Structure formats: structure tokens, C-alpha cells
């Protein structure tokens, strides 16, 4: 059959990895795809010393790649929002199929992009946008298509997981580990997207749409970072039998869909609690299959390239299929997307870890317990640390309760004369079926 010609836009870490995998495994990929896949042109501002591009057409005009009549599939690997969106829409307008690893692009502009692709009868594939080399999108969209997905939870940012692992294993402070993560290249000079949960929220937005058949709604995701987690919190969580992970969680409820990223206590025996370093994992609960977990490298040149090339192969396999027989972009047919609302964080339920500094006086615990009881908040466990100071740390683990009730209780506890400073609150999940 006639070879399929690919144009790669961006030759950085992922672009270079994609180019190399396509070249190194060309024969094996052709056997799987049913025809040869050729890199016809590369659009990049700079060359990549790790790529042997001899014999490949190179241009610094990425839009020339999108308009090249010889190219069948445009691979967008430049990242960012605005230019990437313009590039992808240009490629679609010129009848090109698109493969992208850009989670921000899909989370924020995906609805518009998929609508344009539907009109032009082309595909947009984005497996590499979530969890690097882990084929989680294909698993949800195809492998679990018989299931009603109840919830999913994921460690979907390697930088945050590296920081939390180092804090637990070595008792290090957040600032110290963050500096090392930057030196190792795990975190950017401006680490906001990673440590404040924005990167994870992009990915979770995509997973929620695939799991529940709702439009992409990144702007409604709740995000809370890990920058305020202390060594003491990590230690107290361990004493309670938990570990702290920075999780993305989405759950279907009778009122709508939860969409939240935040530090979370997980029982130390849970499999996902033992995912360490820069590795990623996604736990999915389906009504038929039960719980399944997907684990692997969430970033890196060739792990991510593995997902990009798999998408190219999928596109090639379905080039001759009409769009009604293709797997829908967001797993559900475009006309069947649900209007279930994204719930504000105040309307979600979980258990809570609460830490406060209390004056060492009789009756303080009774006052705290009375406030919690008035909000129907049951206490699971409590730790009161003895110190030589006139104030003591009090750590409380609650049972599952509505977040609004916890907010009201915290406000009342902080107003007590015997409480110094603010109450630290970390959500806790058990992920029961």
C-alpha cells in the first residue's frame, strides 16, 4: 500500500524521541500499521543533536508543514496554547489528521478542535497527552468500553510524585526537594504548573471526559498544590497508616461529576500509595471489571514517543474507515455527550486529615470535638503530641463527609482562643469499590 507521510512539528525532547522511534523501528511499525510510515518533513526552530535528520526535509516554518500537500498526518509537539491551537486547526483545515502530546491544548481547546475535526472528517489522536507512555486513554476509550466508570484517581505528574516520595523517604523539606527536582530536570525553573496541580488538572480534565462522556471543562477543575505540605504532615500521616500523594480524582455522583486535584492521604497498603519517584499510575473503577491500575513512565523522550507513534499507527490503520466507524475522540459519540455538571469542591465528599496547634489547656479537645460533632463529622483517629511548649499539635482524621461541613468546622475551630494559627487540611481517600 502507499506509504503514509508524516510531518513532525517540534524536535525537542518528545519530538526527537518520536523521530528516532519512527526511524529505528520503521520495519516493525510498518508490519503493525500495514504500510510504511515516512517522516516527510520536520518543522523546528533548532536541530536536535540526538536525531540523525540527514535526508529529511527540515523547515523552521511549522505552518508550512501543516499545509504541505504531501503530508497525511501532522504531529504537533511544540507545546503551549495559542500557536499550537493555530497549527492544529490549520492542519485540520487542510485535511490532515493530527497527533498531539499537548495536554494543555486538548484540555483547554479540545472541544473546538474536535468539532473542527468532525467537520473535516479527520482524526485527532492524543494518547501521549496523559501519563506519557502509559496507554490510559486507549484503555478507557476502548478496553473498558463495556463499563460504566464509577471513578478514577491518578498520580499523573511525576515532579509532584518525586517531591512527595523524597519528603517521605528522607524526611526532607519541600523547598529542598524542589530545588533538586529542578537540577535534575524534573521541574521547570517556574514549577507552578507541576507543584500547584495545573498540569495534573489538564490531564484529569481529559480523563474525566473519556470516563463520563462530558465535554472538556478544565476551567471548572479544583486544584490545590503540594507547596504547603510539611515534613510533619508526612510524618503524622505515616503514624496514621497513610501516605500523602498528589492525586487527580474524578468521580461520578448523583449530582454531577467531581473534578479535583489535591494532596491526598491514601492507606499505605494501597497499591497506588506505593508508586514512587517520577512514575505515574492511574486507578480506574468500572462496574463490570472492578478496579484496574495502569503504571509506567509518565514522561521522557521515548516513553512519550511510544504513545505518539502508537497514535500514528492507529490513524494509519483507520485511514480507509468512514468516521462513523472510528473510535470517537472522547470515547462517546459527539451527539451523546452528557450535560452532567462539574461539582464545586464544596459539594464533594471525602475523609479529612486536620492538623492544628492548640494551647495545652483542659477542655480544648472537648471544644474541638463538639464543633466537629455539630457538623456531623465523625472522628476516625486522633493524635495529640506532647511537647515542652505551651502549645501542642493535634492531628485528627475524620470519616467521609461533605466538604462544606468541614469548611464550616474549620472556620469555627480557628476562631477558638485556644487555637494558634490556621488549621491544615488534607483530604483522604480509601478508593473502596
Protein backbone atom coordinates (compact mmCIF):
# COMPACT_ATOMS: atom_id res chain seq x y z
CA UNK A 1 0.00 0.00 0.00
CA UNK A 2 1.01 3.62 -0.46
CA UNK A 3 3.21 4.88 2.42
CA UNK A 4 1.73 7.38 4.86
CA UNK A 5 3.72 10.60 5.11
CA UNK A 6 4.10 12.32 8.47
CA UNK A 7 5.13 15.86 9.33
CA UNK A 8 6.60 16.44 12.81
CA UNK A 9 6.34 19.92 14.31
CA UNK A 10 8.77 20.34 17.16
CA UNK A 11 12.06 18.49 17.56
CA UNK A 12 12.63 18.88 21.29
CA UNK A 13 12.60 16.06 23.82
CA UNK A 14 9.39 14.37 22.66
CA UNK A 15 9.73 15.37 19.01
CA UNK A 16 13.26 13.99 18.89
CA UNK A 17 12.17 10.80 20.61
CA UNK A 18 9.31 10.37 18.14
CA UNK A 19 11.59 10.92 15.16
CA UNK A 20 14.07 8.36 16.48
CA UNK A 21 11.47 5.71 17.30
CA UNK A 22 9.86 6.06 13.85
CA UNK A 23 13.25 5.68 12.22
CA UNK A 24 14.67 2.91 14.43
CA UNK A 25 11.53 0.75 14.46
CA UNK A 26 10.35 1.56 10.92
CA UNK A 27 10.10 -2.06 9.82
CA UNK A 28 8.23 -3.25 12.93
CA UNK A 29 5.88 -0.25 12.80
CA UNK A 30 5.11 -0.91 9.12
CA UNK A 31 4.25 -4.53 9.93
CA UNK A 32 1.77 -3.35 12.56
CA UNK A 33 0.30 -0.48 10.53
CA UNK A 34 0.03 -2.38 7.26
CA UNK A 35 2.06 0.17 5.33
CA UNK A 36 5.21 2.22 5.65
CA UNK A 37 5.21 5.43 7.69
CA UNK A 38 7.67 8.04 6.44
CA UNK A 39 8.72 11.30 8.08
CA UNK A 40 8.27 13.58 5.10
CA UNK A 41 9.15 16.88 6.80
CA UNK A 42 10.14 18.30 10.17
CA UNK A 43 9.21 21.80 11.32
CA UNK A 44 11.54 23.07 14.06
CA UNK A 45 13.43 26.19 15.07
CA UNK A 46 16.50 24.18 16.08
CA UNK A 47 18.02 20.85 15.20
CA UNK A 48 18.28 18.08 17.79
CA UNK A 49 21.80 16.66 18.23
CA UNK A 50 20.27 13.32 19.23
CA UNK A 51 18.48 12.98 15.88
CA UNK A 52 20.05 11.99 12.58
CA UNK A 53 17.83 14.03 10.25
CA UNK A 54 20.07 13.57 7.20
CA UNK A 55 17.83 13.11 4.16
CA UNK A 56 14.76 14.57 5.91
CA UNK A 57 13.33 17.89 4.77
CA UNK A 58 13.65 20.50 7.56
CA UNK A 59 11.88 23.85 7.80
CA UNK A 60 11.57 26.46 10.53
CA UNK A 61 8.02 27.22 9.36
CA UNK A 62 5.72 24.80 11.17
CA UNK A 63 2.69 26.10 9.27
CA UNK A 64 4.36 25.04 6.02
CA UNK A 65 4.27 21.51 7.40
CA UNK A 66 0.57 21.83 8.20
CA UNK A 67 -0.13 22.96 4.62
CA UNK A 68 2.24 20.55 2.82
CA UNK A 69 0.03 18.65 0.32
CA UNK A 70 2.32 15.60 0.56
CA UNK A 71 1.71 15.13 4.28
CA UNK A 72 -1.11 12.95 5.61
CA UNK A 73 -0.56 13.28 9.37
CA UNK A 74 0.71 16.32 11.28
CA UNK A 75 2.32 15.59 14.67
CA UNK A 76 2.12 18.63 16.98
CA UNK A 77 4.87 18.54 19.61
CA UNK A 78 5.60 22.23 20.15
CA UNK A 79 3.52 22.56 23.35
CA UNK A 80 1.73 25.62 24.68
CA UNK A 81 -1.69 27.01 23.90
CA UNK A 82 -2.08 29.65 21.18
CA UNK A 83 0.43 28.75 18.47
CA UNK A 84 -0.27 25.05 18.92
CA UNK A 85 -4.01 25.65 18.56
CA UNK A 86 -3.50 27.67 15.38
CA UNK A 87 -1.19 24.98 14.00
CA UNK A 88 -3.63 22.14 14.72
CA UNK A 89 -6.63 24.00 13.29
CA UNK A 90 -4.59 24.86 10.19
CA UNK A 91 -3.67 21.21 9.71
CA UNK A 92 -7.31 20.16 10.13
CA UNK A 93 -8.46 22.82 7.66
CA UNK A 94 -6.03 21.36 5.12
CA UNK A 95 -7.43 17.87 5.64
CA UNK A 96 -4.61 16.49 7.77
CA UNK A 97 -5.05 14.05 10.61
CA UNK A 98 -3.40 15.27 13.81
CA UNK A 99 -1.46 13.57 16.59
CA UNK A 100 -0.52 15.61 19.66
CA UNK A 101 1.05 15.17 23.10
CA UNK A 102 -0.23 18.56 24.24
CA UNK A 103 -2.46 18.09 27.31
CA UNK A 104 -2.96 21.83 27.84
CA UNK A 105 -4.14 22.24 24.25
CA UNK A 106 -6.66 19.39 24.49
CA UNK A 107 -7.91 20.31 27.97
CA UNK A 108 -8.50 23.97 27.10
CA UNK A 109 -9.30 23.93 23.35
CA UNK A 110 -10.21 20.29 22.72
CA UNK A 111 -13.95 20.85 22.26
CA UNK A 112 -13.30 23.34 19.45
CA UNK A 113 -10.59 21.18 17.89
CA UNK A 114 -12.72 18.01 17.87
CA UNK A 115 -15.65 19.87 16.35
CA UNK A 116 -13.41 21.14 13.54
CA UNK A 117 -12.01 17.65 13.00
CA UNK A 118 -15.51 16.16 12.83
CA UNK A 119 -16.50 18.63 10.12
CA UNK A 120 -13.38 17.87 8.05
CA UNK A 121 -13.65 14.10 8.63
CA UNK A 122 -10.15 13.82 10.13
CA UNK A 123 -8.87 12.31 13.37
CA UNK A 124 -7.13 13.97 16.29
CA UNK A 125 -5.22 11.50 18.48
CA UNK A 126 -3.81 12.47 21.87
CA UNK A 127 -2.73 9.37 23.82
CA UNK A 128 0.60 10.96 24.78
CA UNK A 129 -1.15 13.93 26.41
CA UNK A 130 -1.81 11.97 29.61
CA UNK A 131 0.69 9.87 31.59
CA UNK A 132 3.40 9.69 28.92
CA UNK A 133 3.93 6.10 27.80
CA UNK A 134 1.01 4.60 29.75
CA UNK A 135 -1.82 3.78 27.28
CA UNK A 136 -4.50 5.02 29.67
CA UNK A 137 -6.58 6.83 27.05
CA UNK A 138 -6.85 3.74 24.88
CA UNK A 139 -7.68 1.66 27.97
CA UNK A 140 -10.60 3.90 28.96
CA UNK A 141 -11.80 4.65 25.44
CA UNK A 142 -11.61 1.10 24.11
CA UNK A 143 -10.52 -1.54 26.62
CA UNK A 144 -13.10 -0.51 29.24
CA UNK A 145 -15.88 0.48 26.85
CA UNK A 146 -18.23 -2.15 28.32
CA UNK A 147 -18.06 -0.48 31.71
CA UNK A 148 -19.84 2.32 33.49
CA UNK A 149 -16.83 4.07 35.02
CA UNK A 150 -17.52 4.95 38.65
CA UNK A 151 -14.34 6.90 39.42
CA UNK A 152 -10.67 7.18 38.63
CA UNK A 153 -7.70 8.53 40.54
CA UNK A 154 -4.20 9.12 39.28
CA UNK A 155 -0.67 10.14 40.11
CA UNK A 156 -0.33 11.99 36.82
CA UNK A 157 2.52 14.40 37.48
CA UNK A 158 5.96 12.87 38.01
CA UNK A 159 7.51 16.01 39.50
CA UNK A 160 4.99 16.16 42.34
CA UNK A 161 5.33 12.43 42.98
CA UNK A 162 9.13 12.72 43.12
CA UNK A 163 8.86 15.51 45.70
CA UNK A 164 6.37 13.65 47.90
CA UNK A 165 8.47 10.46 47.72
CA UNK A 166 11.65 12.25 48.78
CA UNK A 167 9.85 14.04 51.61
CA UNK A 168 8.57 10.73 52.95
CA UNK A 169 11.66 8.54 52.41
CA UNK A 170 14.28 11.03 53.56
CA UNK A 171 12.39 13.49 55.75
CA UNK A 172 13.34 16.41 53.51
CA UNK A 173 11.59 19.76 53.26
CA UNK A 174 9.53 20.69 50.20
CA UNK A 175 11.82 23.58 49.15
CA UNK A 176 14.92 21.36 49.34
CA UNK A 177 13.43 18.60 47.17
CA UNK A 178 12.00 21.09 44.67
CA UNK A 179 15.47 22.56 44.14
CA UNK A 180 16.87 19.09 43.41
CA UNK A 181 13.97 18.33 41.05
CA UNK A 182 14.86 21.47 39.09
CA UNK A 183 18.54 20.48 38.98
CA UNK A 184 17.58 17.01 37.70
CA UNK A 185 15.33 18.48 35.01
CA UNK A 186 12.12 17.07 36.52
CA UNK A 187 10.81 20.56 37.33
CA UNK A 188 10.93 23.77 35.29
CA UNK A 189 12.56 26.99 36.51
CA UNK A 190 8.98 28.11 37.17
CA UNK A 191 7.49 24.94 38.72
CA UNK A 192 3.96 26.31 39.19
CA UNK A 193 2.24 24.02 36.68
CA UNK A 194 3.69 20.92 38.37
CA UNK A 195 3.59 21.69 42.09
CA UNK A 196 0.29 23.61 42.11
CA UNK A 197 -1.62 20.92 40.21
CA UNK A 198 -2.30 22.73 36.92
CA UNK A 199 -0.51 20.10 34.80
CA UNK A 200 -2.39 17.31 36.57
CA UNK A 201 -5.69 19.20 36.14
CA UNK A 202 -5.14 19.38 32.37
CA UNK A 203 -4.71 15.61 32.29
CA UNK A 204 -7.57 14.90 34.69
CA UNK A 205 -9.93 17.03 32.58
CA UNK A 206 -9.19 14.76 29.60
CA UNK A 207 -9.61 11.56 31.61
CA UNK A 208 -12.93 12.74 33.08
CA UNK A 209 -14.32 13.45 29.62
CA UNK A 210 -13.30 9.99 28.43
CA UNK A 211 -14.64 8.26 31.53
CA UNK A 212 -18.01 10.01 31.80
CA UNK A 213 -18.75 11.38 28.34
CA UNK A 214 -18.83 15.04 29.38
CA UNK A 215 -17.34 17.98 27.45
CA UNK A 216 -13.84 19.13 28.40
CA UNK A 217 -14.20 21.68 31.22
CA UNK A 218 -10.73 22.49 32.56
CA UNK A 219 -11.84 25.85 33.96
CA UNK A 220 -14.08 24.05 36.48
CA UNK A 221 -11.36 21.76 37.88
CA UNK A 222 -10.42 22.31 41.52
CA UNK A 223 -6.65 22.48 42.02
CA UNK A 224 -4.55 22.54 45.17
CA UNK A 225 -0.79 22.14 45.20
CA UNK A 226 1.75 20.47 47.46
CA UNK A 227 3.88 23.51 48.35
CA UNK A 228 2.31 23.78 51.83
CA UNK A 229 2.85 20.13 52.78
CA UNK A 230 5.34 19.91 55.64
CA UNK A 231 7.64 17.15 56.86
CA UNK A 232 5.45 16.96 59.95
CA UNK A 233 2.34 16.27 57.86
CA UNK A 234 4.15 13.46 56.05
CA UNK A 235 5.29 12.00 59.39
CA UNK A 236 1.87 12.22 61.05
CA UNK A 237 0.23 10.63 58.00
CA UNK A 238 2.67 7.72 58.34
CA UNK A 239 1.76 7.32 62.01
CA UNK A 240 -1.89 7.07 60.99
CA UNK A 241 -1.05 4.40 58.39
CA UNK A 242 -1.28 6.68 55.35
CA UNK A 243 0.93 8.22 52.68
CA UNK A 244 0.41 11.58 51.03
CA UNK A 245 0.20 11.65 47.23
CA UNK A 246 -0.71 14.47 44.86
CA UNK A 247 -3.72 12.99 43.10
CA UNK A 248 -6.15 13.84 40.36
CA UNK A 249 -9.58 12.41 41.24
CA UNK A 250 -12.77 12.34 39.21
CA UNK A 251 -15.93 10.60 40.35
CA UNK A 252 -19.48 10.28 39.08
CA UNK A 253 -22.17 11.03 41.65
CA UNK A 254 -25.90 11.56 41.56
CA UNK A 255 -25.41 15.34 41.43
CA UNK A 256 -22.69 15.55 38.80
CA UNK A 257 -19.01 14.89 38.25
CA UNK A 258 -16.19 15.62 40.70
CA UNK A 259 -13.03 17.05 39.12
CA UNK A 260 -10.30 17.76 41.67
CA UNK A 261 -6.52 17.76 42.10
CA UNK A 262 -5.04 17.98 45.60
CA UNK A 263 -2.73 16.30 48.13
CA UNK A 264 -4.44 13.15 49.39
CA UNK A 265 -3.87 10.70 52.22
CA UNK A 266 -4.04 7.10 50.98
CA UNK A 267 -3.74 3.94 53.12
CA UNK A 268 -0.12 2.80 52.91
CA UNK A 269 -1.22 -0.70 51.89
CA UNK A 270 -2.91 0.58 48.71
CA UNK A 271 -1.05 -0.24 45.52
CA UNK A 272 -1.18 3.35 44.25
CA UNK A 273 0.34 4.57 47.55
CA UNK A 274 3.49 2.64 46.62
CA UNK A 275 4.03 4.36 43.26
CA UNK A 276 7.21 6.32 43.88
CA UNK A 277 9.70 8.69 42.26
CA UNK A 278 8.73 10.15 38.90
CA UNK A 279 6.49 7.24 37.94
CA UNK A 280 2.78 7.69 37.11
CA UNK A 281 -0.21 5.47 37.83
CA UNK A 282 -3.96 5.66 37.19
CA UNK A 283 -6.51 3.63 39.14
CA UNK A 284 -9.87 3.10 37.39
CA UNK A 285 -13.04 1.61 38.89
CA UNK A 286 -15.58 0.15 36.45
CA UNK A 287 -18.85 -1.54 37.33
CA UNK A 288 -18.02 -4.71 35.40
CA UNK A 289 -14.24 -5.01 35.69
CA UNK A 290 -13.80 -3.60 39.19
CA UNK A 291 -10.55 -1.78 39.90
CA UNK A 292 -7.66 -1.79 37.41
CA UNK A 293 -4.39 0.15 37.65
CA UNK A 294 -2.11 1.39 34.87
CA UNK A 295 1.52 2.13 35.79
CA UNK A 296 4.60 3.35 33.99
CA UNK A 297 6.77 6.23 32.91
CA UNK A 298 4.72 9.42 32.73
CA UNK A 299 7.27 11.48 30.81
CA UNK A 300 10.57 11.29 28.95
CA UNK A 301 11.58 11.26 25.31
CA UNK A 302 10.92 7.69 24.28
CA UNK A 303 8.16 6.70 26.76
CA UNK A 304 6.10 9.63 25.44
CA UNK A 305 7.22 8.90 21.87
CA UNK A 306 5.87 5.38 22.34
CA UNK A 307 2.39 6.85 22.79
CA UNK A 308 2.80 9.35 19.94
CA UNK A 309 3.87 6.65 17.48
CA UNK A 310 1.06 4.34 18.66
CA UNK A 311 -1.38 7.13 17.78
CA UNK A 312 0.18 7.49 14.34
CA UNK A 313 -0.24 3.75 13.82
CA UNK A 314 -3.89 3.97 14.91
CA UNK A 315 -4.50 6.80 12.45
CA UNK A 316 -2.88 4.84 9.63
CA UNK A 317 -4.94 1.73 10.39
CA UNK A 318 -8.22 3.66 10.12
CA UNK A 319 -7.44 5.88 7.13
CA UNK A 320 -9.82 3.89 4.96
CA UNK A 321 -12.63 3.75 7.55
CA UNK A 322 -15.51 6.20 7.48
CA UNK A 323 -15.81 8.42 10.54
CA UNK A 324 -18.93 6.67 11.86
CA UNK A 325 -16.84 3.53 12.36
CA UNK A 326 -13.90 5.24 14.09
CA UNK A 327 -13.41 5.41 17.83
CA UNK A 328 -14.84 8.80 18.93
CA UNK A 329 -12.34 11.38 20.18
CA UNK A 330 -13.82 11.47 23.69
CA UNK A 331 -14.94 7.81 23.72
CA UNK A 332 -18.64 8.69 23.35
CA UNK A 333 -20.32 9.75 20.11
CA UNK A 334 -20.31 13.58 19.83
CA UNK A 335 -24.11 13.70 19.92
CA UNK A 336 -24.19 11.59 23.10
CA UNK A 337 -22.11 13.73 25.45
CA UNK A 338 -23.70 14.26 28.86
CA UNK A 339 -24.63 17.63 30.36
CA UNK A 340 -23.87 16.42 33.90
CA UNK A 341 -22.39 19.39 35.79
CA UNK A 342 -18.89 19.56 37.27
CA UNK A 343 -19.38 19.82 41.03
CA UNK A 344 -17.77 22.62 43.05
CA UNK A 345 -15.35 21.26 45.64
CA UNK A 346 -17.72 22.20 48.47
CA UNK A 347 -20.20 19.60 47.19
CA UNK A 348 -17.73 16.71 47.16
CA UNK A 349 -17.17 14.17 49.93
CA UNK A 350 -14.00 12.65 51.35
CA UNK A 351 -12.33 11.96 54.67
CA UNK A 352 -10.04 14.66 56.11
CA UNK A 353 -6.75 15.00 57.94
CA UNK A 354 -6.80 18.09 60.14
CA UNK A 355 -3.74 19.45 61.97
CA UNK A 356 -3.86 22.38 64.38
CA UNK A 357 -1.73 23.88 67.15
CA UNK A 358 -3.70 24.07 70.40
CA UNK A 359 -2.87 25.61 73.75
CA UNK A 360 -2.25 22.96 76.37
CA UNK A 361 -5.35 23.60 78.47
CA UNK A 362 -8.07 21.32 79.82
CA UNK A 363 -11.18 21.09 77.67
CA UNK A 364 -9.63 22.08 74.32
CA UNK A 365 -10.20 18.66 72.73
CA UNK A 366 -13.76 18.69 74.01
CA UNK A 367 -14.43 22.03 72.29
CA UNK A 368 -12.94 20.77 69.01
CA UNK A 369 -14.93 17.53 69.20
CA UNK A 370 -18.12 19.48 69.92
CA UNK A 371 -17.63 21.64 66.81
CA UNK A 372 -17.00 18.59 64.65
CA UNK A 373 -19.99 16.77 66.12
CA UNK A 374 -22.29 19.71 65.43
CA UNK A 375 -21.32 19.40 61.74
CA UNK A 376 -21.96 15.61 61.75
CA UNK A 377 -18.23 14.97 61.34
CA UNK A 378 -17.16 11.66 62.88
CA UNK A 379 -13.58 11.23 64.13
CA UNK A 380 -11.68 8.18 62.84
CA UNK A 381 -8.43 8.75 64.77
CA UNK A 382 -6.74 11.41 66.85
CA UNK A 383 -3.12 12.12 67.80
CA UNK A 384 -2.07 14.66 70.41
CA UNK A 385 1.67 15.26 70.57
CA UNK A 386 3.38 16.08 73.86
CA UNK A 387 5.86 18.96 73.65
CA UNK A 388 7.79 21.19 76.04
CA UNK A 389 5.98 24.20 74.58
CA UNK A 390 2.72 25.70 75.81
CA UNK A 391 1.01 24.53 72.61
CA UNK A 392 0.67 21.03 71.18
CA UNK A 393 -0.02 19.67 67.68
CA UNK A 394 -3.40 17.97 67.45
CA UNK A 395 -4.00 15.70 64.46
CA UNK A 396 -7.49 14.43 63.64
CA UNK A 397 -8.54 12.01 60.90
CA UNK A 398 -12.26 12.18 60.11
CA UNK A 399 -14.61 9.83 58.35
CA UNK A 400 -16.04 10.78 54.95
CA UNK A 401 -18.13 13.95 55.00
CA UNK A 402 -19.27 16.81 52.75
CA UNK A 403 -16.51 19.39 52.24
CA UNK A 404 -18.80 22.31 53.10
CA UNK A 405 -19.27 20.87 56.59
CA UNK A 406 -15.51 20.66 57.05
CA UNK A 407 -15.09 24.25 55.86
CA UNK A 408 -17.63 25.43 58.43
CA UNK A 409 -15.99 23.39 61.20
CA UNK A 410 -12.50 24.69 60.38
CA UNK A 411 -13.72 28.28 60.50
CA UNK A 412 -15.18 27.70 63.97
CA UNK A 413 -12.08 25.86 65.23
CA UNK A 414 -9.77 28.64 64.02
CA UNK A 415 -11.94 31.16 65.89
CA UNK A 416 -11.24 29.44 69.23
CA UNK A 417 -8.92 31.36 71.53
CA UNK A 418 -7.08 28.12 72.29
CA UNK A 419 -6.11 27.52 68.63
CA UNK A 420 -2.99 29.22 67.30
CA UNK A 421 -2.82 29.91 63.56
CA UNK A 422 -4.74 28.15 60.83
CA UNK A 423 -5.86 24.54 60.52
CA UNK A 424 -4.04 22.40 57.97
CA UNK A 425 -6.49 20.30 55.95
CA UNK A 426 -5.58 17.39 53.63
CA UNK A 427 -8.22 15.19 52.02
CA UNK A 428 -8.08 11.41 52.44
CA UNK A 429 -9.38 8.64 50.16
CA UNK A 430 -9.70 4.87 50.55
CA UNK A 431 -10.90 4.11 46.98
CA UNK A 432 -13.31 1.40 48.05
CA UNK A 433 -15.23 -0.25 45.25
